[in-house]
Amino acid sequence: MPGYGLPQDAQGLLPWSWAQSRLESCRNYWLATTRPDARPHLMIVWGLWQEQALYFSTGRRSRKARNLEANAHCVIGTEQAAAAVVLEGAAAEVSEVDVRRNFIERYSRKYQYDMAAMTEDILSSREPVYVVRPLVAFGLEEHTAPQSFTRWRFAP
């Protein structure tokens, strides 16, 4: 992170387990996408961190879905800025029915939300479920800054 005066060594960096804990326990995730005319769009989504990826759903005609259809690149942030995890990656629509079914079950439990009205549309792929596997992630913990500011890189 050029220009921030960060230490040059690894002392004080956050472990990936720190980031995973926040991703798993987060209730609201910020999702940034890009409109076809290049204007940014930022919205809250509910989602699940599992298998080193974030899964979320939205309506197929929503601004988020239309943006992701035109440009799959996106940024996701956790809700707490003082101990934030920010992921950069590309969203892909989940096609496997068993993964979608697992998503519905886990999502319903996490959010105590009845998905019955949406289950058929999600399982039939009429409504999308997306997965974002990070290419880069950042961990930012305010009370140990800037020594703890951490970047993780992942294989594509």
N, C-alpha and C. Protein backbone atom coordinates (compact mmCIF):
# COMPACT_ATOMS: atom_id res chain seq x y z
N MET A 1 0.85 -1.18 0.00
CA MET A 1 0.00 0.00 0.00
C MET A 1 0.90 1.24 0.00
N PRO A 2 1.42 1.58 -1.15
CA PRO A 2 2.34 2.72 -1.25
C PRO A 2 1.71 4.01 -0.72
N GLY A 3 2.53 4.80 -0.05
CA GLY A 3 2.09 6.10 0.44
C GLY A 3 1.50 6.10 1.82
N TYR A 4 1.34 4.94 2.46
CA TYR A 4 0.73 4.87 3.78
C TYR A 4 1.75 4.71 4.90
N GLY A 5 3.05 4.64 4.56
CA GLY A 5 4.07 4.50 5.58
C GLY A 5 4.00 3.20 6.33
N LEU A 6 3.57 2.15 5.67
CA LEU A 6 3.43 0.85 6.32
C LEU A 6 4.79 0.20 6.53
N PRO A 7 4.89 -0.64 7.56
CA PRO A 7 6.14 -1.35 7.80
C PRO A 7 6.50 -2.24 6.62
N GLN A 8 7.80 -2.47 6.44
CA GLN A 8 8.27 -3.29 5.33
C GLN A 8 8.37 -4.77 5.68
N ASP A 9 8.23 -5.12 6.96
CA ASP A 9 8.33 -6.52 7.35
C ASP A 9 6.95 -7.08 7.69
N ALA A 10 6.90 -8.36 8.00
CA ALA A 10 5.64 -9.04 8.25
C ALA A 10 5.19 -8.98 9.70
N GLN A 11 5.98 -8.36 10.57
CA GLN A 11 5.61 -8.29 11.99
C GLN A 11 4.31 -7.50 12.16
N GLY A 12 3.37 -8.08 12.88
CA GLY A 12 2.10 -7.41 13.17
C GLY A 12 1.00 -7.65 12.15
N LEU A 13 1.33 -8.33 11.04
CA LEU A 13 0.29 -8.59 10.04
C LEU A 13 -0.77 -9.54 10.60
N LEU A 14 -1.96 -9.42 10.07
CA LEU A 14 -3.09 -10.22 10.53
C LEU A 14 -3.06 -11.60 9.89
N PRO A 15 -3.39 -12.65 10.64
CA PRO A 15 -3.49 -13.98 10.03
C PRO A 15 -4.78 -14.10 9.22
N TRP A 16 -4.78 -14.98 8.23
CA TRP A 16 -5.97 -15.20 7.43
C TRP A 16 -7.15 -15.66 8.30
N SER A 17 -6.86 -16.36 9.38
CA SER A 17 -7.94 -16.80 10.28
C SER A 17 -8.70 -15.60 10.86
N TRP A 18 -8.03 -14.48 11.08
CA TRP A 18 -8.67 -13.24 11.55
C TRP A 18 -9.72 -12.80 10.53
N ALA A 19 -9.34 -12.80 9.26
CA ALA A 19 -10.26 -12.38 8.19
C ALA A 19 -11.43 -13.36 8.06
N GLN A 20 -11.13 -14.65 8.08
CA GLN A 20 -12.19 -15.66 7.95
C GLN A 20 -13.22 -15.54 9.06
N SER A 21 -12.77 -15.29 10.26
CA SER A 21 -13.68 -15.14 11.39
C SER A 21 -14.66 -14.00 11.15
N ARG A 22 -14.17 -12.88 10.65
CA ARG A 22 -15.04 -11.74 10.38
C ARG A 22 -15.97 -12.01 9.21
N LEU A 23 -15.47 -12.68 8.19
CA LEU A 23 -16.31 -13.02 7.04
C LEU A 23 -17.43 -13.97 7.43
N GLU A 24 -17.14 -14.93 8.28
CA GLU A 24 -18.15 -15.90 8.72
C GLU A 24 -19.21 -15.26 9.62
N SER A 25 -18.80 -14.36 10.50
CA SER A 25 -19.74 -13.79 11.47
C SER A 25 -20.46 -12.54 10.97
N CYS A 26 -20.05 -12.01 9.85
CA CYS A 26 -20.66 -10.79 9.31
C CYS A 26 -22.12 -11.04 8.94
N ARG A 27 -22.98 -10.10 9.28
CA ARG A 27 -24.40 -10.21 8.91
C ARG A 27 -24.66 -9.49 7.60
N ASN A 28 -24.13 -8.30 7.44
CA ASN A 28 -24.35 -7.48 6.24
C ASN A 28 -23.03 -7.25 5.53
N TYR A 29 -23.02 -7.48 4.24
CA TYR A 29 -21.83 -7.28 3.42
C TYR A 29 -22.10 -6.14 2.45
N TRP A 30 -21.11 -5.29 2.24
CA TRP A 30 -21.21 -4.25 1.23
C TRP A 30 -20.76 -4.86 -0.10
N LEU A 31 -21.54 -4.69 -1.14
CA LEU A 31 -21.19 -5.19 -2.47
C LEU A 31 -21.09 -4.00 -3.42
N ALA A 32 -19.91 -3.83 -4.01
CA ALA A 32 -19.71 -2.76 -5.00
C ALA A 32 -19.59 -3.40 -6.38
N THR A 33 -20.42 -2.91 -7.29
CA THR A 33 -20.40 -3.35 -8.69
C THR A 33 -20.28 -2.12 -9.57
N THR A 34 -20.18 -2.34 -10.87
CA THR A 34 -20.05 -1.23 -11.81
C THR A 34 -21.16 -1.31 -12.84
N ARG A 35 -21.86 -0.19 -13.00
CA ARG A 35 -22.90 -0.12 -14.02
C ARG A 35 -22.27 -0.16 -15.41
N PRO A 36 -23.03 -0.51 -16.43
CA PRO A 36 -22.48 -0.54 -17.80
C PRO A 36 -21.91 0.80 -18.26
N ASP A 37 -22.40 1.91 -17.71
CA ASP A 37 -21.84 3.21 -18.10
C ASP A 37 -20.66 3.62 -17.21
N ALA A 38 -20.14 2.67 -16.42
CA ALA A 38 -18.94 2.82 -15.57
C ALA A 38 -19.19 3.52 -14.24
N ARG A 39 -20.43 3.89 -13.95
CA ARG A 39 -20.71 4.47 -12.64
C ARG A 39 -20.74 3.37 -11.59
N PRO A 40 -20.24 3.63 -10.38
CA PRO A 40 -20.24 2.62 -9.32
C PRO A 40 -21.63 2.43 -8.73
N HIS A 41 -21.84 1.28 -8.15
CA HIS A 41 -23.08 0.97 -7.44
C HIS A 41 -22.68 0.22 -6.17
N LEU A 42 -23.18 0.65 -5.02
CA LEU A 42 -22.86 0.04 -3.74
C LEU A 42 -24.16 -0.32 -3.04
N MET A 43 -24.24 -1.57 -2.55
CA MET A 43 -25.46 -2.01 -1.90
C MET A 43 -25.11 -3.05 -0.85
N ILE A 44 -25.99 -3.17 0.14
CA ILE A 44 -25.86 -4.20 1.18
C ILE A 44 -26.47 -5.50 0.67
N VAL A 45 -25.81 -6.63 0.95
CA VAL A 45 -26.38 -7.95 0.69
C VAL A 45 -26.19 -8.81 1.92
N TRP A 46 -27.04 -9.80 2.07
CA TRP A 46 -26.82 -10.87 3.03
C TRP A 46 -26.09 -11.98 2.29
N GLY A 47 -25.25 -12.70 3.00
CA GLY A 47 -24.50 -13.75 2.34
C GLY A 47 -23.89 -14.74 3.31
N LEU A 48 -23.18 -15.70 2.74
CA LEU A 48 -22.55 -16.77 3.51
C LEU A 48 -21.10 -16.91 3.08
N TRP A 49 -20.19 -16.92 4.06
CA TRP A 49 -18.79 -17.24 3.78
C TRP A 49 -18.63 -18.73 4.01
N GLN A 50 -18.30 -19.46 2.97
CA GLN A 50 -18.08 -20.90 3.07
C GLN A 50 -17.14 -21.33 1.96
N GLU A 51 -16.31 -22.33 2.23
CA GLU A 51 -15.39 -22.88 1.24
C GLU A 51 -14.53 -21.80 0.59
N GLN A 52 -14.05 -20.86 1.40
CA GLN A 52 -13.16 -19.78 0.95
C GLN A 52 -13.80 -18.87 -0.11
N ALA A 53 -15.13 -18.69 -0.02
CA ALA A 53 -15.83 -17.84 -0.98
C ALA A 53 -17.07 -17.26 -0.33
N LEU A 54 -17.54 -16.14 -0.88
CA LEU A 54 -18.78 -15.54 -0.41
C LEU A 54 -19.90 -15.87 -1.39
N TYR A 55 -21.00 -16.38 -0.84
CA TYR A 55 -22.19 -16.71 -1.62
C TYR A 55 -23.30 -15.73 -1.25
N PHE A 56 -24.02 -15.22 -2.25
CA PHE A 56 -25.16 -14.34 -1.99
C PHE A 56 -26.14 -14.48 -3.14
N SER A 57 -27.36 -14.04 -2.90
CA SER A 57 -28.37 -14.05 -3.95
C SER A 57 -28.97 -12.65 -4.08
N THR A 58 -29.63 -12.44 -5.19
CA THR A 58 -30.31 -11.19 -5.45
C THR A 58 -31.31 -11.46 -6.57
N GLY A 59 -32.21 -10.56 -6.78
CA GLY A 59 -33.16 -10.72 -7.89
C GLY A 59 -32.46 -10.57 -9.23
N ARG A 60 -32.84 -11.38 -10.19
CA ARG A 60 -32.19 -11.35 -11.50
C ARG A 60 -32.29 -9.98 -12.17
N ARG A 61 -33.37 -9.25 -11.89
CA ARG A 61 -33.54 -7.93 -12.50
C ARG A 61 -33.02 -6.79 -11.64
N SER A 62 -32.40 -7.12 -10.50
CA SER A 62 -31.86 -6.08 -9.63
C SER A 62 -30.68 -5.37 -10.31
N ARG A 63 -30.37 -4.19 -9.87
CA ARG A 63 -29.23 -3.44 -10.40
C ARG A 63 -27.94 -4.25 -10.21
N LYS A 64 -27.80 -4.91 -9.06
CA LYS A 64 -26.60 -5.71 -8.79
C LYS A 64 -26.43 -6.80 -9.84
N ALA A 65 -27.49 -7.55 -10.07
CA ALA A 65 -27.43 -8.67 -11.02
C ALA A 65 -27.14 -8.17 -12.44
N ARG A 66 -27.79 -7.10 -12.83
CA ARG A 66 -27.56 -6.56 -14.17
C ARG A 66 -26.12 -6.06 -14.32
N ASN A 67 -25.60 -5.44 -13.25
CA ASN A 67 -24.21 -5.00 -13.30
C ASN A 67 -23.26 -6.19 -13.41
N LEU A 68 -23.50 -7.23 -12.61
CA LEU A 68 -22.63 -8.40 -12.63
C LEU A 68 -22.71 -9.15 -13.95
N GLU A 69 -23.87 -9.11 -14.59
CA GLU A 69 -24.00 -9.74 -15.90
C GLU A 69 -23.10 -9.05 -16.93
N ALA A 70 -23.00 -7.73 -16.84
CA ALA A 70 -22.17 -6.97 -17.78
C ALA A 70 -20.69 -6.98 -17.39
N ASN A 71 -20.41 -7.05 -16.09
CA ASN A 71 -19.03 -7.00 -15.60
C ASN A 71 -18.99 -7.73 -14.26
N ALA A 72 -18.43 -8.91 -14.24
CA ALA A 72 -18.46 -9.76 -13.04
C ALA A 72 -17.53 -9.28 -11.93
N HIS A 73 -16.62 -8.37 -12.21
CA HIS A 73 -15.70 -7.89 -11.19
C HIS A 73 -16.45 -7.10 -10.13
N CYS A 74 -16.11 -7.35 -8.87
CA CYS A 74 -16.80 -6.68 -7.77
C CYS A 74 -15.88 -6.62 -6.55
N VAL A 75 -16.31 -5.82 -5.58
CA VAL A 75 -15.63 -5.69 -4.31
C VAL A 75 -16.66 -5.91 -3.21
N ILE A 76 -16.26 -6.67 -2.19
CA ILE A 76 -17.15 -6.96 -1.07
C ILE A 76 -16.44 -6.55 0.20
N GLY A 77 -17.16 -5.88 1.09
CA GLY A 77 -16.61 -5.48 2.38
C GLY A 77 -17.51 -5.92 3.51
N THR A 78 -16.89 -6.22 4.64
CA THR A 78 -17.66 -6.55 5.83
C THR A 78 -18.24 -5.28 6.44
N GLU A 79 -19.19 -5.44 7.35
CA GLU A 79 -19.96 -4.30 7.85
C GLU A 79 -19.21 -3.41 8.84
N GLN A 80 -18.22 -3.93 9.54
CA GLN A 80 -17.52 -3.18 10.58
C GLN A 80 -16.24 -2.55 10.04
N ALA A 81 -16.23 -1.25 9.82
CA ALA A 81 -15.07 -0.58 9.22
C ALA A 81 -13.85 -0.58 10.14
N ALA A 82 -14.04 -0.63 11.45
CA ALA A 82 -12.91 -0.61 12.38
C ALA A 82 -12.14 -1.93 12.40
N ALA A 83 -12.74 -2.99 11.89
CA ALA A 83 -12.09 -4.30 11.76
C ALA A 83 -12.62 -4.92 10.48
N ALA A 84 -12.19 -4.37 9.35
CA ALA A 84 -12.79 -4.69 8.06
C ALA A 84 -11.99 -5.71 7.27
N VAL A 85 -12.74 -6.47 6.49
CA VAL A 85 -12.16 -7.33 5.46
C VAL A 85 -12.77 -6.88 4.14
N VAL A 86 -11.92 -6.66 3.15
CA VAL A 86 -12.37 -6.24 1.83
C VAL A 86 -11.86 -7.27 0.82
N LEU A 87 -12.77 -7.81 0.02
CA LEU A 87 -12.43 -8.82 -0.98
C LEU A 87 -12.59 -8.24 -2.38
N GLU A 88 -11.66 -8.54 -3.25
CA GLU A 88 -11.78 -8.21 -4.67
C GLU A 88 -11.83 -9.52 -5.44
N GLY A 89 -12.77 -9.63 -6.36
CA GLY A 89 -12.89 -10.85 -7.15
C GLY A 89 -13.92 -10.68 -8.24
N ALA A 90 -14.36 -11.80 -8.78
CA ALA A 90 -15.38 -11.79 -9.82
C ALA A 90 -16.49 -12.73 -9.40
N ALA A 91 -17.71 -12.29 -9.60
CA ALA A 91 -18.88 -13.09 -9.23
C ALA A 91 -19.22 -14.04 -10.37
N ALA A 92 -19.50 -15.28 -10.00
CA ALA A 92 -19.96 -16.28 -10.97
C ALA A 92 -21.28 -16.83 -10.48
N GLU A 93 -22.20 -17.06 -11.39
CA GLU A 93 -23.48 -17.63 -10.99
C GLU A 93 -23.30 -19.11 -10.68
N VAL A 94 -23.88 -19.54 -9.57
CA VAL A 94 -23.81 -20.95 -9.16
C VAL A 94 -24.86 -21.73 -9.94
N SER A 95 -24.43 -22.80 -10.60
CA SER A 95 -25.38 -23.58 -11.39
C SER A 95 -25.78 -24.89 -10.71
N GLU A 96 -24.96 -25.41 -9.81
CA GLU A 96 -25.22 -26.71 -9.19
C GLU A 96 -26.40 -26.63 -8.22
N VAL A 97 -27.39 -27.48 -8.42
CA VAL A 97 -28.59 -27.48 -7.59
C VAL A 97 -28.26 -27.82 -6.14
N ASP A 98 -27.35 -28.76 -5.90
CA ASP A 98 -27.02 -29.12 -4.52
C ASP A 98 -26.35 -27.96 -3.79
N VAL A 99 -25.55 -27.17 -4.48
CA VAL A 99 -24.93 -25.98 -3.86
C VAL A 99 -26.00 -24.94 -3.56
N ARG A 100 -26.93 -24.74 -4.47
CA ARG A 100 -28.04 -23.79 -4.25
C ARG A 100 -28.91 -24.25 -3.08
N ARG A 101 -29.18 -25.55 -3.00
CA ARG A 101 -29.99 -26.08 -1.90
C ARG A 101 -29.28 -25.85 -0.56
N ASN A 102 -27.98 -26.13 -0.52
CA ASN A 102 -27.18 -25.90 0.68
C ASN A 102 -27.20 -24.41 1.05
N PHE A 103 -27.11 -23.55 0.05
CA PHE A 103 -27.17 -22.10 0.27
C PHE A 103 -28.48 -21.72 0.95
N ILE A 104 -29.60 -22.21 0.43
CA ILE A 104 -30.91 -21.89 0.99
C ILE A 104 -31.00 -22.32 2.45
N GLU A 105 -30.56 -23.54 2.75
CA GLU A 105 -30.62 -24.06 4.12
C GLU A 105 -29.76 -23.24 5.07
N ARG A 106 -28.53 -22.98 4.70
CA ARG A 106 -27.62 -22.23 5.58
C ARG A 106 -28.06 -20.76 5.73
N TYR A 107 -28.51 -20.17 4.63
CA TYR A 107 -28.98 -18.79 4.63
C TYR A 107 -30.20 -18.65 5.55
N SER A 108 -31.13 -19.59 5.44
CA SER A 108 -32.33 -19.56 6.29
C SER A 108 -31.96 -19.63 7.77
N ARG A 109 -30.99 -20.48 8.10
CA ARG A 109 -30.55 -20.60 9.50
C ARG A 109 -29.83 -19.33 9.96
N LYS A 110 -28.91 -18.84 9.17
CA LYS A 110 -28.12 -17.68 9.57
C LYS A 110 -29.00 -16.46 9.81
N TYR A 111 -29.93 -16.21 8.91
CA TYR A 111 -30.73 -14.99 8.98
C TYR A 111 -32.11 -15.20 9.61
N GLN A 112 -32.41 -16.45 10.02
CA GLN A 112 -33.74 -16.74 10.56
C GLN A 112 -34.80 -16.18 9.62
N TYR A 113 -34.64 -16.53 8.34
CA TYR A 113 -35.48 -15.98 7.28
C TYR A 113 -36.11 -17.13 6.49
N ASP A 114 -37.41 -17.07 6.30
CA ASP A 114 -38.13 -18.11 5.58
C ASP A 114 -37.94 -17.92 4.07
N MET A 115 -37.23 -18.84 3.46
CA MET A 115 -36.93 -18.77 2.04
C MET A 115 -37.95 -19.52 1.18
N ALA A 116 -39.03 -20.01 1.79
CA ALA A 116 -40.00 -20.85 1.07
C ALA A 116 -40.51 -20.19 -0.21
N ALA A 117 -40.81 -18.92 -0.18
CA ALA A 117 -41.37 -18.24 -1.35
C ALA A 117 -40.35 -18.13 -2.50
N MET A 118 -39.07 -18.26 -2.19
CA MET A 118 -38.03 -18.10 -3.21
C MET A 118 -37.36 -19.40 -3.60
N THR A 119 -37.61 -20.46 -2.85
CA THR A 119 -36.88 -21.72 -3.04
C THR A 119 -36.98 -22.24 -4.47
N GLU A 120 -38.17 -22.34 -5.01
CA GLU A 120 -38.33 -22.89 -6.37
C GLU A 120 -37.56 -22.05 -7.39
N ASP A 121 -37.66 -20.72 -7.29
CA ASP A 121 -36.95 -19.86 -8.25
C ASP A 121 -35.43 -19.98 -8.11
N ILE A 122 -34.95 -20.14 -6.90
CA ILE A 122 -33.51 -20.29 -6.70
C ILE A 122 -33.03 -21.65 -7.19
N LEU A 123 -33.76 -22.71 -6.84
CA LEU A 123 -33.34 -24.05 -7.26
C LEU A 123 -33.41 -24.24 -8.78
N SER A 124 -34.34 -23.57 -9.42
CA SER A 124 -34.49 -23.69 -10.88
C SER A 124 -33.60 -22.71 -11.64
N SER A 125 -32.84 -21.89 -10.92
CA SER A 125 -31.94 -20.87 -11.51
C SER A 125 -32.68 -19.71 -12.15
N ARG A 126 -33.99 -19.57 -11.88
CA ARG A 126 -34.68 -18.37 -12.36
C ARG A 126 -34.15 -17.14 -11.63
N GLU A 127 -33.75 -17.33 -10.37
CA GLU A 127 -33.11 -16.26 -9.60
C GLU A 127 -31.68 -16.70 -9.29
N PRO A 128 -30.73 -15.79 -9.38
CA PRO A 128 -29.32 -16.18 -9.26
C PRO A 128 -28.82 -16.31 -7.82
N VAL A 129 -27.87 -17.20 -7.67
CA VAL A 129 -27.01 -17.27 -6.49
C VAL A 129 -25.61 -17.08 -7.04
N TYR A 130 -24.86 -16.17 -6.45
CA TYR A 130 -23.51 -15.87 -6.92
C TYR A 130 -22.48 -16.37 -5.91
N VAL A 131 -21.31 -16.66 -6.43
CA VAL A 131 -20.15 -16.98 -5.61
C VAL A 131 -19.02 -16.05 -6.03
N VAL A 132 -18.35 -15.49 -5.02
CA VAL A 132 -17.18 -14.65 -5.28
C VAL A 132 -16.00 -15.28 -4.53
N ARG A 133 -15.02 -15.74 -5.30
CA ARG A 133 -13.78 -16.26 -4.73
C ARG A 133 -12.76 -15.13 -4.83
N PRO A 134 -12.20 -14.70 -3.70
CA PRO A 134 -11.32 -13.55 -3.75
C PRO A 134 -10.03 -13.81 -4.52
N LEU A 135 -9.58 -12.79 -5.23
CA LEU A 135 -8.26 -12.78 -5.84
C LEU A 135 -7.29 -12.03 -4.93
N VAL A 136 -7.82 -11.00 -4.27
CA VAL A 136 -7.07 -10.20 -3.31
C VAL A 136 -8.00 -9.88 -2.16
N ALA A 137 -7.46 -9.85 -0.96
CA ALA A 137 -8.24 -9.45 0.22
C ALA A 137 -7.38 -8.53 1.07
N PHE A 138 -8.03 -7.62 1.77
CA PHE A 138 -7.36 -6.69 2.66
C PHE A 138 -7.96 -6.80 4.05
N GLY A 139 -7.13 -6.78 5.06
CA GLY A 139 -7.57 -6.75 6.44
C GLY A 139 -7.13 -5.44 7.06
N LEU A 140 -8.07 -4.73 7.67
CA LEU A 140 -7.80 -3.41 8.23
C LEU A 140 -8.35 -3.37 9.65
N GLU A 141 -7.46 -3.34 10.61
CA GLU A 141 -7.87 -3.29 12.01
C GLU A 141 -7.41 -1.95 12.58
N GLU A 142 -8.38 -1.13 12.96
CA GLU A 142 -8.11 0.25 13.36
C GLU A 142 -7.19 0.38 14.56
N HIS A 143 -7.42 -0.41 15.60
CA HIS A 143 -6.66 -0.19 16.84
C HIS A 143 -5.21 -0.67 16.76
N THR A 144 -4.84 -1.38 15.72
CA THR A 144 -3.44 -1.79 15.54
C THR A 144 -2.85 -1.22 14.25
N ALA A 145 -3.50 -0.22 13.68
CA ALA A 145 -3.05 0.38 12.42
C ALA A 145 -1.81 1.23 12.66
N PRO A 146 -0.97 1.39 11.68
CA PRO A 146 -1.02 0.76 10.36
C PRO A 146 -0.25 -0.57 10.30
N GLN A 147 0.40 -0.97 11.41
CA GLN A 147 1.22 -2.18 11.37
C GLN A 147 0.44 -3.43 10.98
N SER A 148 -0.86 -3.46 11.28
CA SER A 148 -1.63 -4.67 11.02
C SER A 148 -2.31 -4.68 9.65
N PHE A 149 -2.25 -3.59 8.91
CA PHE A 149 -2.89 -3.59 7.59
C PHE A 149 -2.27 -4.71 6.76
N THR A 150 -3.13 -5.60 6.26
CA THR A 150 -2.65 -6.82 5.63
C THR A 150 -3.32 -7.03 4.28
N ARG A 151 -2.53 -7.53 3.33
CA ARG A 151 -3.07 -7.91 2.02
C ARG A 151 -2.76 -9.39 1.81
N TRP A 152 -3.78 -10.12 1.35
CA TRP A 152 -3.61 -11.52 0.99
C TRP A 152 -3.89 -11.65 -0.51
N ARG A 153 -3.10 -12.47 -1.19
CA ARG A 153 -3.31 -12.73 -2.62
C ARG A 153 -3.65 -14.22 -2.78
N PHE A 154 -4.55 -14.50 -3.71
CA PHE A 154 -5.00 -15.86 -3.94
C PHE A 154 -4.80 -16.23 -5.39
N ALA A 155 -4.57 -17.48 -5.64
CA ALA A 155 -4.42 -17.95 -7.03
C ALA A 155 -5.77 -17.89 -7.73
N PRO A 156 -5.78 -17.49 -8.99
CA PRO A 156 -7.06 -17.42 -9.73
C PRO A 156 -7.63 -18.81 -10.00
